């Protein structure tokens, strides 16, 4: 075997992985040392992605685009599998978790309706060559971030949307800017209302206890196998099962209905993170049952390490996703891009300002800014502004993001069908908009009806 630099298959992933790592460190230094960057609340991974995008766009760095796509694609799946394998605490289950998930998915649906109305209007008026279902990329980009924008954009490219992948990734990148700008403005407004300054908010640090890293019944640190190795093993086994399940489903659909298989196969592979999350939830439930039955005597998941693995996967996904945008692909798509970016941000803002106080009246500001940051960027761009007004996380706003992301997978599963329906025909496009509105109404009822009945009975 050739071990020299001429063997690109041997060295490329580590060489370019080192470049991404270096850019993450540079971005971290900038956020700590440069006041303007620090005050922008820009997540480190997003800043590193923009730096790498600039280096690629100017030709200073010839980063392989296929590698960027691969990191983006696998990063979102590994991150969600790691999150879904975590054990859950009883105090965050129940109505709170499901309302949080419903809130997240209802916002996706609002963004989907807005995006589709924009793309349909342009298609029938000024831009007859526009891919009419392109608007559904708005919730994929704003709501779910660059990973899913990459997957659905690539799927739509295969269906005829030229530049669909870069269109979705560009919306996702713009979502970070929207999250940061609104985060700065809104947190400043809240602090002024409470008579505080940003300087009054001190960073929180506390003693690190063993319980931070280990729960009762876990594999002890004295075991010969490293606990990080166990977490990686659980994640990779789950991902391998996800691959097998997806392969069997798509092969089965193709064998029974070749036409449907041609349409659904790219969607199943594009949404492999949902399948992976469901497989991980099943594995977590199975291990819980085995422990309850006394067959398995130890808890193999470690929430702290699983959080760290998911954080690494999402950081790499964000850097690669933003950096893989091809600006040239946006030629001819600037009008829908700008309309969706601006109107999508405005509508998301006012929808959350309307619904959040109904669900979280005691901590509406904290819940709003956290949800808005996540639903235009990622969970990190929701946590960052939240820490400005709730540095010790005394409110449940941070829990809303975490548990809502888990239950949101269940509520969001029907969107896979909607994404598959939208590009089939003009009739199906309007059916998709109608189904989005019906599902949105059902989720709003689910979130508010119980509270309404309680208020009425009182």
Protein backbone atom coordinates (compact mmCIF):
# COMPACT_ATOMS: atom_id res chain seq x y z
CA UNK A 1 0.00 0.00 0.00
CA UNK A 2 1.21 3.50 -0.85
CA UNK A 3 1.43 5.56 2.36
CA UNK A 4 2.65 8.73 0.65
CA UNK A 5 0.71 11.93 -0.05
CA UNK A 6 0.04 10.63 -3.56
CA UNK A 7 -2.58 8.30 -2.07
CA UNK A 8 -5.46 10.76 -1.81
CA UNK A 9 -7.87 8.08 -0.58
CA UNK A 10 -5.62 7.55 2.43
CA UNK A 11 -4.91 11.18 3.33
CA UNK A 12 -7.62 13.51 1.95
CA UNK A 13 -10.16 13.08 4.74
CA UNK A 14 -7.52 13.85 7.39
CA UNK A 15 -5.90 16.72 5.48
CA UNK A 16 -9.20 18.47 4.81
CA UNK A 17 -10.48 17.51 8.24
CA UNK A 18 -7.47 19.36 9.62
CA UNK A 19 -8.43 22.42 7.55
CA UNK A 20 -11.96 22.40 9.00
CA UNK A 21 -10.52 21.97 12.51
CA UNK A 22 -8.14 24.89 12.02
CA UNK A 23 -10.97 27.12 10.78
CA UNK A 24 -13.09 26.18 13.80
CA UNK A 25 -10.26 27.24 16.10
CA UNK A 26 -9.73 30.49 14.16
CA UNK A 27 -13.46 31.23 14.31
CA UNK A 28 -13.46 30.51 18.05
CA UNK A 29 -10.58 32.96 18.56
CA UNK A 30 -12.43 35.62 16.55
CA UNK A 31 -15.60 35.20 18.62
CA UNK A 32 -13.58 35.59 21.82
CA UNK A 33 -11.16 38.36 20.86
CA UNK A 34 -12.99 40.52 18.33
CA UNK A 35 -15.72 42.56 19.98
CA UNK A 36 -17.82 42.97 16.83
CA UNK A 37 -17.85 39.24 16.15
CA UNK A 38 -18.54 38.42 19.80
CA UNK A 39 -21.51 40.77 19.96
CA UNK A 40 -22.94 39.35 16.74
CA UNK A 41 -23.77 36.08 18.57
CA UNK A 42 -22.70 34.19 15.44
CA UNK A 43 -22.15 30.48 16.25
CA UNK A 44 -18.50 29.47 15.87
CA UNK A 45 -19.32 26.72 13.37
CA UNK A 46 -21.34 29.11 11.19
CA UNK A 47 -18.50 31.67 11.20
CA UNK A 48 -16.01 28.94 10.24
CA UNK A 49 -18.35 27.91 7.42
CA UNK A 50 -18.53 31.47 6.07
CA UNK A 51 -14.73 31.77 6.21
CA UNK A 52 -14.33 28.51 4.27
CA UNK A 53 -17.00 29.63 1.80
CA UNK A 54 -15.06 32.85 1.18
CA UNK A 55 -11.80 30.94 0.70
CA UNK A 56 -13.45 28.59 -1.82
CA UNK A 57 -15.30 31.38 -3.66
CA UNK A 58 -12.09 33.38 -4.14
CA UNK A 59 -10.15 30.30 -5.28
CA UNK A 60 -7.69 30.46 -2.38
CA UNK A 61 -8.64 26.95 -1.25
CA UNK A 62 -9.61 24.05 -3.52
CA UNK A 63 -11.65 22.09 -1.02
CA UNK A 64 -13.23 18.98 -2.64
CA UNK A 65 -16.98 19.70 -2.95
CA UNK A 66 -17.88 15.99 -2.74
CA UNK A 67 -16.22 15.76 0.67
CA UNK A 68 -18.19 18.77 1.91
CA UNK A 69 -21.45 17.17 0.74
CA UNK A 70 -20.53 13.88 2.42
CA UNK A 71 -19.77 15.57 5.75
CA UNK A 72 -23.03 17.53 5.58
CA UNK A 73 -25.08 14.45 4.73
CA UNK A 74 -23.65 12.12 7.38
CA UNK A 75 -23.23 14.85 10.01
CA UNK A 76 -26.97 15.47 10.41
CA UNK A 77 -27.73 11.74 10.69
CA UNK A 78 -25.00 11.02 13.24
CA UNK A 79 -25.96 14.07 15.28
CA UNK A 80 -29.64 13.12 15.49
CA UNK A 81 -28.86 9.47 16.23
CA UNK A 82 -26.62 10.54 19.13
CA UNK A 83 -29.38 12.81 20.49
CA UNK A 84 -32.04 10.11 20.13
CA UNK A 85 -29.97 7.49 21.97
CA UNK A 86 -29.83 9.59 25.12
CA UNK A 87 -31.78 8.46 28.15
CA UNK A 88 -34.60 10.79 29.15
CA UNK A 89 -35.64 12.09 32.53
CA UNK A 90 -39.20 11.72 33.72
CA UNK A 91 -39.59 15.39 34.56
CA UNK A 92 -39.33 16.47 30.92
CA UNK A 93 -41.80 13.97 29.53
CA UNK A 94 -45.50 14.41 28.88
CA UNK A 95 -47.46 17.42 27.65
CA UNK A 96 -44.48 19.80 27.84
CA UNK A 97 -42.38 17.65 25.48
CA UNK A 98 -45.17 17.13 22.98
CA UNK A 99 -46.25 20.78 23.01
CA UNK A 100 -42.64 21.78 22.38
CA UNK A 101 -42.39 19.38 19.44
CA UNK A 102 -45.71 20.57 18.06
CA UNK A 103 -44.55 24.19 18.32
CA UNK A 104 -41.40 23.42 16.32
CA UNK A 105 -43.21 21.50 13.58
CA UNK A 106 -46.05 24.04 13.36
CA UNK A 107 -43.41 26.67 12.60
CA UNK A 108 -42.02 24.42 9.85
CA UNK A 109 -45.51 24.30 8.37
CA UNK A 110 -45.91 28.10 8.53
CA UNK A 111 -42.58 28.45 6.73
CA UNK A 112 -43.60 25.80 4.17
CA UNK A 113 -46.84 27.63 3.34
CA UNK A 114 -45.02 30.96 3.03
CA UNK A 115 -42.28 29.48 0.84
CA UNK A 116 -44.70 27.61 -1.42
CA UNK A 117 -46.96 30.63 -1.85
CA UNK A 118 -43.94 32.68 -2.94
CA UNK A 119 -42.65 30.04 -5.39
CA UNK A 120 -46.12 29.34 -6.82
CA UNK A 121 -46.85 33.06 -7.29
CA UNK A 122 -43.54 33.61 -9.08
CA UNK A 123 -44.05 30.47 -11.19
CA UNK A 124 -47.44 31.65 -12.47
CA UNK A 125 -46.38 35.29 -12.99
CA UNK A 126 -42.82 36.49 -13.44
CA UNK A 127 -40.74 33.29 -13.40
CA UNK A 128 -42.42 30.45 -15.37
CA UNK A 129 -39.12 28.52 -15.39
CA UNK A 130 -38.88 28.44 -11.59
CA UNK A 131 -39.23 25.02 -9.93
CA UNK A 132 -42.68 25.58 -8.36
CA UNK A 133 -42.09 23.36 -5.32
CA UNK A 134 -38.87 25.19 -4.41
CA UNK A 135 -40.63 27.05 -1.60
CA UNK A 136 -40.71 23.96 0.60
CA UNK A 137 -36.95 24.39 0.98
CA UNK A 138 -37.64 27.35 3.30
CA UNK A 139 -38.57 25.21 6.36
CA UNK A 140 -35.80 22.77 5.51
CA UNK A 141 -33.27 25.64 5.54
CA UNK A 142 -34.63 27.94 8.27
CA UNK A 143 -36.31 25.31 10.40
CA UNK A 144 -33.86 22.41 10.14
CA UNK A 145 -30.58 23.96 8.98
CA UNK A 146 -27.99 23.20 6.32
CA UNK A 147 -28.09 19.41 6.67
CA UNK A 148 -31.68 18.97 5.57
CA UNK A 149 -31.48 21.90 3.13
CA UNK A 150 -28.63 20.01 1.49
CA UNK A 151 -30.54 16.71 1.38
CA UNK A 152 -33.86 18.02 0.06
CA UNK A 153 -32.14 20.47 -2.29
CA UNK A 154 -30.12 17.63 -3.79
CA UNK A 155 -33.27 15.50 -4.12
CA UNK A 156 -35.08 18.32 -5.93
CA UNK A 157 -32.10 18.85 -8.20
CA UNK A 158 -32.57 15.25 -9.37
CA UNK A 159 -36.22 16.17 -10.09
CA UNK A 160 -35.29 19.18 -12.22
CA UNK A 161 -34.57 22.07 -9.85
CA UNK A 162 -31.30 23.42 -11.24
CA UNK A 163 -29.25 24.88 -8.39
CA UNK A 164 -31.63 23.49 -5.77
CA UNK A 165 -28.92 22.38 -3.39
CA UNK A 166 -27.14 25.74 -3.29
CA UNK A 167 -30.51 27.50 -3.09
CA UNK A 168 -31.40 25.58 0.06
CA UNK A 169 -27.96 25.98 1.61
CA UNK A 170 -27.96 29.72 0.88
CA UNK A 171 -31.30 30.05 2.67
CA UNK A 172 -29.86 28.11 5.61
CA UNK A 173 -26.82 30.41 5.75
CA UNK A 174 -29.07 33.47 5.62
CA UNK A 175 -31.09 31.98 8.46
CA UNK A 176 -28.03 32.25 10.72
CA UNK A 177 -27.75 35.94 9.91
CA UNK A 178 -31.46 36.45 10.63
CA UNK A 179 -31.14 34.56 13.93
CA UNK A 180 -28.11 36.61 14.98
CA UNK A 181 -29.50 40.02 14.00
CA UNK A 182 -32.87 39.44 15.65
CA UNK A 183 -31.13 37.85 18.65
CA UNK A 184 -28.97 40.93 19.23
CA UNK A 185 -31.89 43.33 18.85
CA UNK A 186 -34.40 41.36 20.91
CA UNK A 187 -32.11 40.50 23.83
CA UNK A 188 -31.05 44.15 24.03
CA UNK A 189 -34.70 45.14 24.13
CA UNK A 190 -35.48 42.66 26.93
CA UNK A 191 -32.47 43.71 28.99
CA UNK A 192 -33.46 47.38 28.69
CA UNK A 193 -37.02 46.50 29.73
CA UNK A 194 -35.63 44.73 32.81
CA UNK A 195 -33.24 47.58 33.61
CA UNK A 196 -30.10 45.54 32.88
CA UNK A 197 -27.05 45.88 30.63
CA UNK A 198 -25.20 43.10 28.85
CA UNK A 199 -22.31 43.75 31.22
CA UNK A 200 -24.60 42.76 34.12
CA UNK A 201 -24.89 39.23 32.74
CA UNK A 202 -21.90 37.28 34.00
CA UNK A 203 -20.83 33.94 32.58
CA UNK A 204 -21.92 31.05 34.78
CA UNK A 205 -19.44 28.45 35.98
CA UNK A 206 -19.83 25.89 38.70
CA UNK A 207 -18.25 22.87 40.25
CA UNK A 208 -18.09 19.82 38.00
CA UNK A 209 -19.52 16.80 39.78
CA UNK A 210 -19.23 13.12 38.89
CA UNK A 211 -22.98 13.16 38.18
CA UNK A 212 -22.29 15.51 35.27
CA UNK A 213 -20.53 12.68 33.46
CA UNK A 214 -22.08 9.54 34.93
CA UNK A 215 -25.56 8.46 35.99
CA UNK A 216 -26.41 5.62 38.36
CA UNK A 217 -26.04 2.19 36.80
CA UNK A 218 -23.70 3.26 33.98
CA UNK A 219 -20.55 1.44 32.93
CA UNK A 220 -17.95 2.56 35.51
CA UNK A 221 -14.83 4.44 34.53
CA UNK A 222 -12.74 1.52 35.78
CA UNK A 223 -13.91 -0.75 32.93
CA UNK A 224 -11.33 -1.76 30.34
CA UNK A 225 -13.36 -0.33 27.47
CA UNK A 226 -13.51 3.44 27.17
CA UNK A 227 -17.02 4.84 27.53
CA UNK A 228 -16.54 7.05 24.48
CA UNK A 229 -15.82 3.89 22.50
CA UNK A 230 -19.14 2.48 23.68
CA UNK A 231 -21.03 5.60 22.56
CA UNK A 232 -19.37 5.53 19.13
CA UNK A 233 -20.17 1.82 18.85
CA UNK A 234 -23.85 2.42 19.68
CA UNK A 235 -24.06 5.26 17.15
CA UNK A 236 -22.35 3.35 14.33
CA UNK A 237 -24.41 0.20 14.92
CA UNK A 238 -27.58 2.30 14.86
CA UNK A 239 -26.45 4.00 11.66
CA UNK A 240 -25.66 0.63 10.07
CA UNK A 241 -29.15 -0.63 10.96
CA UNK A 242 -30.56 2.61 9.53
CA UNK A 243 -28.75 1.89 6.28
CA UNK A 244 -30.14 -1.66 6.15
CA UNK A 245 -33.69 -0.54 6.96
CA UNK A 246 -33.63 2.23 4.35
CA UNK A 247 -32.15 -0.13 1.76
CA UNK A 248 -34.83 -2.75 2.40
CA UNK A 249 -37.68 -0.21 2.32
CA UNK A 250 -36.55 1.44 -0.91
CA UNK A 251 -35.85 -1.90 -2.59
CA UNK A 252 -39.27 -3.16 -1.53
CA UNK A 253 -41.07 -0.07 -2.84
CA UNK A 254 -39.18 -0.27 -6.14
CA UNK A 255 -40.01 -3.97 -6.54
CA UNK A 256 -43.73 -3.42 -5.89
CA UNK A 257 -44.17 -0.05 -7.65
CA UNK A 258 -41.21 1.07 -9.78
CA UNK A 259 -42.75 4.49 -10.44
CA UNK A 260 -43.27 5.24 -6.76
CA UNK A 261 -39.83 3.86 -6.01
CA UNK A 262 -38.22 6.33 -8.39
CA UNK A 263 -39.87 9.21 -6.53
CA UNK A 264 -39.60 7.95 -2.95
CA UNK A 265 -36.13 6.40 -2.97
CA UNK A 266 -34.24 9.75 -3.03
CA UNK A 267 -36.52 11.06 -0.28
CA UNK A 268 -35.95 8.08 2.01
CA UNK A 269 -32.19 8.38 1.59
CA UNK A 270 -32.36 12.16 1.94
CA UNK A 271 -34.35 11.82 5.17
CA UNK A 272 -32.14 9.09 6.58
CA UNK A 273 -31.72 11.16 9.75
CA UNK A 274 -35.42 10.63 10.56
CA UNK A 275 -35.09 6.87 10.03
CA UNK A 276 -31.91 6.92 12.11
CA UNK A 277 -33.64 8.82 14.91
CA UNK A 278 -36.54 6.35 14.96
CA UNK A 279 -34.13 3.38 14.98
CA UNK A 280 -32.19 5.03 17.82
CA UNK A 281 -35.39 5.61 19.81
CA UNK A 282 -36.27 1.95 19.30
CA UNK A 283 -32.80 0.87 20.45
CA UNK A 284 -33.05 3.14 23.49
CA UNK A 285 -36.45 1.69 24.36
CA UNK A 286 -35.20 -1.89 23.90
CA UNK A 287 -32.22 -1.31 26.18
CA UNK A 288 -34.53 0.23 28.77
CA UNK A 289 -36.81 -2.83 28.68
CA UNK A 290 -33.80 -5.17 29.02
CA UNK A 291 -32.60 -3.24 32.08
CA UNK A 292 -36.08 -3.31 33.62
CA UNK A 293 -36.19 -7.09 33.08
CA UNK A 294 -32.77 -7.54 34.68
CA UNK A 295 -31.26 -9.00 31.50
CA UNK A 296 -29.04 -5.95 30.99
CA UNK A 297 -27.50 -4.82 34.25
CA UNK A 298 -25.83 -1.61 33.08
CA UNK A 299 -26.78 1.52 31.21
CA UNK A 300 -24.49 1.81 28.21
CA UNK A 301 -25.55 5.27 27.05
CA UNK A 302 -23.81 8.25 28.58
CA UNK A 303 -25.76 11.45 27.96
CA UNK A 304 -22.77 13.73 28.44
CA UNK A 305 -20.68 11.94 25.81
CA UNK A 306 -23.62 11.55 23.42
CA UNK A 307 -24.20 15.30 23.66
CA UNK A 308 -20.54 15.90 22.83
CA UNK A 309 -20.64 13.56 19.81
CA UNK A 310 -23.82 15.19 18.49
CA UNK A 311 -22.28 18.64 19.02
CA UNK A 312 -19.21 17.64 17.02
CA UNK A 313 -21.34 16.15 14.22
CA UNK A 314 -23.54 19.25 14.00
CA UNK A 315 -20.55 21.63 14.05
CA UNK A 316 -18.90 19.74 11.18
CA UNK A 317 -22.21 19.66 9.31
CA UNK A 318 -22.68 23.41 9.67
CA UNK A 319 -19.16 24.23 8.49
CA UNK A 320 -19.37 21.88 5.51
CA UNK A 321 -22.93 22.85 4.60
CA UNK A 322 -22.29 26.59 4.45
CA UNK A 323 -18.92 26.15 2.72
CA UNK A 324 -20.41 23.93 -0.01
CA UNK A 325 -22.69 26.68 -1.34
CA UNK A 326 -21.99 27.45 -5.00
CA UNK A 327 -22.88 31.12 -5.53
CA UNK A 328 -22.98 30.60 -9.30
CA UNK A 329 -25.93 28.20 -8.87
CA UNK A 330 -28.05 31.08 -7.57
CA UNK A 331 -27.99 32.85 -10.93
CA UNK A 332 -31.60 33.46 -11.89
CA UNK A 333 -32.83 32.53 -8.39
CA UNK A 334 -32.10 35.74 -6.52
CA UNK A 335 -35.73 36.97 -6.53
CA UNK A 336 -37.24 33.87 -4.84
CA UNK A 337 -34.21 33.61 -2.57
CA UNK A 338 -34.52 37.18 -1.26
CA UNK A 339 -38.32 37.03 -0.96
CA UNK A 340 -38.23 33.77 0.99
CA UNK A 341 -35.35 34.90 3.18
CA UNK A 342 -37.01 38.18 4.19
CA UNK A 343 -40.69 37.20 4.29
CA UNK A 344 -39.87 33.85 5.89
CA UNK A 345 -38.00 35.58 8.72
CA UNK A 346 -40.76 38.16 9.28
CA UNK A 347 -43.60 35.61 9.30
CA UNK A 348 -41.64 33.28 11.62
CA UNK A 349 -41.11 36.20 14.01
CA UNK A 350 -44.78 37.17 14.20
CA UNK A 351 -46.07 33.59 14.35
CA UNK A 352 -43.82 32.81 17.33
CA UNK A 353 -44.71 36.13 18.99
CA UNK A 354 -48.36 35.06 18.74
CA UNK A 355 -48.14 31.40 19.79
CA UNK A 356 -45.30 31.36 22.36
CA UNK A 357 -47.03 33.49 25.05
CA UNK A 358 -50.01 31.10 24.89
CA UNK A 359 -47.77 28.14 25.71
CA UNK A 360 -45.15 29.77 27.95
CA UNK A 361 -46.74 32.85 29.57
CA UNK A 362 -44.31 32.84 32.51
CA UNK A 363 -41.18 32.94 30.36
CA UNK A 364 -42.41 34.21 26.99
CA UNK A 365 -39.32 36.29 26.16
CA UNK A 366 -36.92 33.46 26.93
CA UNK A 367 -38.98 30.91 25.01
CA UNK A 368 -39.46 33.22 22.03
CA UNK A 369 -35.83 34.14 21.49
CA UNK A 370 -34.66 30.56 21.95
CA UNK A 371 -37.26 29.19 19.53
CA UNK A 372 -36.73 31.95 16.96
CA UNK A 373 -32.99 31.41 17.02
CA UNK A 374 -33.36 27.66 16.51
CA UNK A 375 -36.12 27.93 13.89
CA UNK A 376 -34.09 30.24 11.70
CA UNK A 377 -30.70 28.70 12.48
CA UNK A 378 -29.87 25.73 14.70
CA UNK A 379 -30.15 24.95 18.41
CA UNK A 380 -26.86 26.77 19.08
CA UNK A 381 -28.20 30.02 17.61
CA UNK A 382 -31.17 29.62 19.95
CA UNK A 383 -29.12 28.94 23.07
CA UNK A 384 -26.70 31.84 22.52
CA UNK A 385 -29.23 34.71 22.77
CA UNK A 386 -31.13 32.83 25.51
CA UNK A 387 -28.01 32.93 27.69
CA UNK A 388 -28.02 36.72 27.43
CA UNK A 389 -31.33 36.98 29.31
CA UNK A 390 -31.38 33.65 31.18
CA UNK A 391 -27.71 32.82 31.85
CA UNK A 392 -28.42 30.16 34.48
CA UNK A 393 -31.24 28.54 32.46
CA UNK A 394 -33.70 29.05 35.32
CA UNK A 395 -36.63 28.91 32.89
CA UNK A 396 -37.58 25.78 30.90
CA UNK A 397 -36.83 27.56 27.60
CA UNK A 398 -33.65 25.57 26.98
CA UNK A 399 -35.49 22.32 27.76
CA UNK A 400 -38.09 23.27 25.15
CA UNK A 401 -35.41 23.21 22.47
CA UNK A 402 -33.95 19.88 23.55
CA UNK A 403 -37.07 17.82 24.23
CA UNK A 404 -38.96 19.53 21.43
CA UNK A 405 -36.31 18.44 18.94
CA UNK A 406 -36.95 14.83 19.98
CA UNK A 407 -40.76 14.84 19.84
CA UNK A 408 -40.58 17.09 16.79
CA UNK A 409 -39.21 14.11 14.83
CA UNK A 410 -42.51 12.31 15.38
CA UNK A 411 -44.65 15.33 14.51
CA UNK A 412 -42.43 16.14 11.53
CA UNK A 413 -42.55 12.69 9.92
CA UNK A 414 -45.64 13.55 7.77
CA UNK A 415 -43.61 16.32 6.13
CA UNK A 416 -41.71 13.58 4.31
CA UNK A 417 -44.94 12.84 2.44
CA UNK A 418 -45.56 16.51 1.71
CA UNK A 419 -42.06 16.98 0.31
CA UNK A 420 -42.62 13.98 -1.93
CA UNK A 421 -46.03 15.22 -3.13
CA UNK A 422 -45.15 18.85 -3.89
CA UNK A 423 -43.03 18.40 -7.07
CA UNK A 424 -45.25 15.75 -8.69
CA UNK A 425 -47.66 18.11 -10.46
CA UNK A 426 -49.35 21.48 -10.19
CA UNK A 427 -52.41 19.84 -8.65
CA UNK A 428 -50.27 18.07 -6.05
CA UNK A 429 -48.55 21.36 -5.30
CA UNK A 430 -51.85 22.94 -4.27
CA UNK A 431 -52.83 19.77 -2.40
CA UNK A 432 -49.55 20.07 -0.46
CA UNK A 433 -50.34 23.67 0.52
CA UNK A 434 -53.81 22.60 1.66
CA UNK A 435 -52.44 19.69 3.69
CA UNK A 436 -49.87 21.98 5.31
CA UNK A 437 -52.66 24.34 6.40
CA UNK A 438 -54.79 21.48 7.74
CA UNK A 439 -51.89 19.97 9.67
CA UNK A 440 -50.95 23.42 10.99
CA UNK A 441 -54.51 23.96 12.24
CA UNK A 442 -54.45 20.56 13.95
CA UNK A 443 -51.17 21.30 15.73
CA UNK A 444 -52.30 24.75 16.85
CA UNK A 445 -55.47 23.17 18.25
CA UNK A 446 -53.39 20.52 20.01
CA UNK A 447 -51.16 23.18 21.60
CA UNK A 448 -53.89 25.58 22.66
CA UNK A 449 -57.16 23.63 23.12
CA UNK A 450 -56.25 22.13 26.50
CA UNK A 451 -55.30 25.54 27.87
CA UNK A 452 -58.47 27.06 26.33
CA UNK A 453 -60.70 24.43 27.99
CA UNK A 454 -58.99 25.01 31.35
CA UNK A 455 -59.51 28.77 31.03
CA UNK A 456 -63.14 28.32 30.00
CA UNK A 457 -63.91 25.96 32.84
CA UNK A 458 -62.36 28.39 35.31
